[in-house]
Amino acid sequence: MNDRLNIRRLLQRKNIMLDSYDCELCILQRTESLRHLFFTCNFAKRCWQAIDISFPNHLQPLQVVRRIKRRMMKSFFMEIFILMIWCIWM
């Protein structure tokens, strides 16, 4: 969440030329930002819904993480969260 993943928006900021900076996973043609890719993209939303997790689009990424943690109330929350992020990324 701290500009570690080379999402398209970060590559654009680094002046790396791509054919498109839009999200490849959805039809909304939005720029692939961290927030969009993992939380507001239609594909990501369906992934979260598959494990019965939902959240409003207006929340910032850290707020989403906190909400998911409260919702799950599992000692292994972080493992589930990282696995889901990895699955969306791949």
C-alpha atoms as a PDB file:
ATOM      1  CA  MET A   1       0.000   0.000   0.000  1.00  0.00           C
ATOM      2  CA  ASN A   2       3.018   2.242   0.083  1.00  0.00           C
ATOM      3  CA  ASP A   3       3.889   2.296  -3.619  1.00  0.00           C
ATOM      4  CA  ARG A   4       5.538  -1.120  -3.524  1.00  0.00           C
ATOM      5  CA  LEU A   5       3.473  -2.720  -6.292  1.00  0.00           C
ATOM      6  CA  ASN A   6       3.979  -1.525  -9.838  1.00  0.00           C
ATOM      7  CA  ILE A   7       0.374  -0.734 -10.560  1.00  0.00           C
ATOM      8  CA  ARG A   8      -0.256   1.262 -13.717  1.00  0.00           C
ATOM      9  CA  ARG A   9      -0.762   4.594 -11.957  1.00  0.00           C
ATOM     10  CA  LEU A  10       2.615   4.250 -10.231  1.00  0.00           C
ATOM     11  CA  LEU A  11       4.286   3.346 -13.534  1.00  0.00           C
ATOM     12  CA  GLN A  12       2.678   6.409 -15.091  1.00  0.00           C
ATOM     13  CA  ARG A  13       4.066   8.604 -12.282  1.00  0.00           C
ATOM     14  CA  LYS A  14       7.507   7.093 -12.956  1.00  0.00           C
ATOM     15  CA  ASN A  15       7.119   8.084 -16.629  1.00  0.00           C
ATOM     16  CA  ILE A  16       7.109   4.491 -17.841  1.00  0.00           C
ATOM     17  CA  MET A  17       5.211   4.364 -21.102  1.00  0.00           C
ATOM     18  CA  LEU A  18       2.417   1.811 -21.455  1.00  0.00           C
ATOM     19  CA  ASP A  19      -0.247   1.414 -24.123  1.00  0.00           C
ATOM     20  CA  SER A  20      -2.861   2.061 -21.478  1.00  0.00           C
ATOM     21  CA  TYR A  21      -2.990   2.886 -17.793  1.00  0.00           C
ATOM     22  CA  ASP A  22      -6.541   1.591 -17.450  1.00  0.00           C
ATOM     23  CA  CYS A  23      -7.509  -1.409 -15.349  1.00  0.00           C
ATOM     24  CA  GLU A  24      -7.391  -4.652 -17.350  1.00  0.00           C
ATOM     25  CA  LEU A  25      -9.803  -6.459 -15.031  1.00  0.00           C
ATOM     26  CA  CYS A  26     -12.965  -4.425 -15.481  1.00  0.00           C
ATOM     27  CA  ILE A  27     -14.991  -2.646 -18.128  1.00  0.00           C
ATOM     28  CA  LEU A  28     -15.060   0.714 -16.346  1.00  0.00           C
ATOM     29  CA  GLN A  29     -11.870   1.894 -18.071  1.00  0.00           C
ATOM     30  CA  ARG A  30     -10.610   3.558 -14.901  1.00  0.00           C
ATOM     31  CA  THR A  31      -6.959   4.209 -14.209  1.00  0.00           C
ATOM     32  CA  GLU A  32      -5.454   1.286 -12.330  1.00  0.00           C
ATOM     33  CA  SER A  33      -4.760   2.801  -8.926  1.00  0.00           C
ATOM     34  CA  LEU A  34      -4.168   0.752  -5.797  1.00  0.00           C
ATOM     35  CA  ARG A  35      -7.614   1.589  -4.460  1.00  0.00           C
ATOM     36  CA  HIS A  36      -9.308   0.750  -7.733  1.00  0.00           C
ATOM     37  CA  LEU A  37      -7.419  -2.491  -8.418  1.00  0.00           C
ATOM     38  CA  PHE A  38      -7.935  -4.068  -5.006  1.00  0.00           C
ATOM     39  CA  PHE A  39     -11.163  -2.534  -3.742  1.00  0.00           C
ATOM     40  CA  THR A  40     -13.400  -0.720  -6.258  1.00  0.00           C
ATOM     41  CA  CYS A  41     -12.836  -2.654  -9.494  1.00  0.00           C
ATOM     42  CA  ASN A  42     -15.828  -4.838 -10.402  1.00  0.00           C
ATOM     43  CA  PHE A  43     -13.564  -7.903 -10.470  1.00  0.00           C
ATOM     44  CA  ALA A  44     -12.110  -7.139  -7.033  1.00  0.00           C
ATOM     45  CA  LYS A  45     -15.566  -6.503  -5.577  1.00  0.00           C
ATOM     46  CA  ARG A  46     -16.727  -9.920  -6.829  1.00  0.00           C
ATOM     47  CA  CYS A  47     -13.653 -11.547  -5.270  1.00  0.00           C
ATOM     48  CA  TRP A  48     -14.359  -9.955  -1.884  1.00  0.00           C
ATOM     49  CA  GLN A  49     -18.045 -10.845  -2.138  1.00  0.00           C
ATOM     50  CA  ALA A  50     -17.070 -14.487  -2.749  1.00  0.00           C
ATOM     51  CA  ILE A  51     -15.803 -14.586   0.854  1.00  0.00           C
ATOM     52  CA  ASP A  52     -18.769 -12.545   2.113  1.00  0.00           C
ATOM     53  CA  ILE A  53     -16.924  -9.233   2.482  1.00  0.00           C
ATOM     54  CA  SER A  54     -18.359  -5.931   1.259  1.00  0.00           C
ATOM     55  CA  PHE A  55     -17.546  -2.283   1.906  1.00  0.00           C
ATOM     56  CA  PRO A  56     -18.552   1.135   0.542  1.00  0.00           C
ATOM     57  CA  ASN A  57     -16.609   2.529  -2.430  1.00  0.00           C
ATOM     58  CA  HIS A  58     -15.812   5.822  -0.678  1.00  0.00           C
ATOM     59  CA  LEU A  59     -13.480   4.303   1.940  1.00  0.00           C
ATOM     60  CA  GLN A  60      -9.724   4.703   1.679  1.00  0.00           C
ATOM     61  CA  PRO A  61      -7.622   1.486   1.476  1.00  0.00           C
ATOM     62  CA  LEU A  62      -6.571   1.518   5.135  1.00  0.00           C
ATOM     63  CA  GLN A  63     -10.191   2.028   6.201  1.00  0.00           C
ATOM     64  CA  VAL A  64     -11.183  -0.951   4.054  1.00  0.00           C
ATOM     65  CA  VAL A  65      -8.515  -3.121   5.687  1.00  0.00           C
ATOM     66  CA  ARG A  66      -9.742  -2.147   9.157  1.00  0.00           C
ATOM     67  CA  ARG A  67     -13.340  -2.841   8.200  1.00  0.00           C
ATOM     68  CA  ILE A  68     -12.466  -6.254   6.781  1.00  0.00           C
ATOM     69  CA  LYS A  69     -10.505  -7.088   9.937  1.00  0.00           C
ATOM     70  CA  ARG A  70     -13.450  -6.146  12.170  1.00  0.00           C
ATOM     71  CA  ARG A  71     -15.852  -8.076   9.940  1.00  0.00           C
ATOM     72  CA  MET A  72     -13.807 -11.279   9.900  1.00  0.00           C
ATOM     73  CA  MET A  73     -12.700 -11.336  13.548  1.00  0.00           C
ATOM     74  CA  LYS A  74     -10.201 -14.125  12.836  1.00  0.00           C
ATOM     75  CA  SER A  75      -6.705 -14.462  14.273  1.00  0.00           C
ATOM     76  CA  PHE A  76      -5.504 -15.324  10.748  1.00  0.00           C
ATOM     77  CA  PHE A  77      -7.124 -12.262   9.138  1.00  0.00           C
ATOM     78  CA  MET A  78      -3.872 -11.015   7.630  1.00  0.00           C
ATOM     79  CA  GLU A  79      -3.205 -14.330   5.892  1.00  0.00           C
ATOM     80  CA  ILE A  80      -6.663 -14.221   4.303  1.00  0.00           C
ATOM     81  CA  PHE A  81      -6.251 -10.569   3.343  1.00  0.00           C
ATOM     82  CA  ILE A  82      -2.828 -11.088   1.746  1.00  0.00           C
ATOM     83  CA  LEU A  83      -4.020 -14.169  -0.108  1.00  0.00           C
ATOM     84  CA  MET A  84      -7.001 -12.268  -1.522  1.00  0.00           C
ATOM     85  CA  ILE A  85      -4.839  -9.327  -2.589  1.00  0.00           C
ATOM     86  CA  TRP A  86      -2.408 -11.755  -4.229  1.00  0.00           C
ATOM     87  CA  CYS A  87      -5.236 -13.510  -6.080  1.00  0.00           C
ATOM     88  CA  ILE A  88      -6.588 -10.208  -7.389  1.00  0.00           C
ATOM     89  CA  TRP A  89      -3.078  -9.091  -8.400  1.00  0.00           C
ATOM     90  CA  MET A  90      -2.424 -12.311 -10.311  1.00  0.00           C
END
